[in-house]
Amino acid sequence: MQEWHEPPETQKITENRIINHIKCELHKGVDDAIRKYYGAGQRSGNKADWIKHWLATVTLKLTVDEKGSANPGLSRVRTLSDTRSFTLGAGGNASSEATRIETISFTYPLRELRSARPVVNPCEKAGELLIEGDLKIGQFLDKKIFLSTVPGTIIGPYRAFSYEVTFVVVYGSSVTPTWKLVEFKANPDSPFLNATRTRTHEVTITIAPPGDAAAEAAAIHNAALIGQAAAAAIRKGGP
């Protein structure tokens, strides 16, 4: 799963950093939202601290897709006269593809997250992109808790809510050496060697109360995962 120039141990360190980053954003997002809306909506009986008793189920899916191809070509150009020539082209192709997928799922009781020391600093590091950057989990939680404090907006408590983030990075390179002799030309058109690597990071977070709503939350979470798989197949060009 790591880059070609990195040792295998790098992947373990990367996954640990990603999981702790998600944990940090959940913790900070819940703390900030409860602090912001605590006591709001007292007339309707709503309190912003209801979410601290809920559970957050997180699924992290890391995918790496590597493709390589070779397309050698050879053309023979023979001059027949000043106005005529004969060209004969031949070529071949070979390709390979490898896909590696890792999926892990875990649950955080939000009460246990909040029992640790409050998160003061930003969870993301400056300059970080993709899944290790700002996932906007705090903004998502802020909106949901705000809706629960507005009288009449949510009739009854939430059953569950879910959040998805997907990052896709594609990079590659190609090489086309060309030789031109008197009558022959090698690799006149298509790339001789071509390689691409696609990295996909997907995070799905479903937050729900424990107990009877757990089954419904699991259905919502699984539906989100199925949607991600369908989107991934479309991006890849599959059925």
Foldseek 3Di string as FASTA:
>chain_A
DDDPPDDPVVVVVVVVLLVVLVLQCLLQLLVVLLVVQAPFQVVVPDGLNPQLQKKKKKKKKKKKKKKKKFKKKKKFWADPDPPDIDIDMDIDMDMDMDMDMDMDMDMDNSNVSNVDDHDDDRSADPPDDDSRHDPCPSVVSNVQSVQRRDPPSDDDDDLKDKDKDKDKDKDWDFAADWDDDPGMIMRPDDTRMIMMMMIMIMMMMMMGHPDPSPVVSVVVRVVVVVVVVVVVCVVVVHD
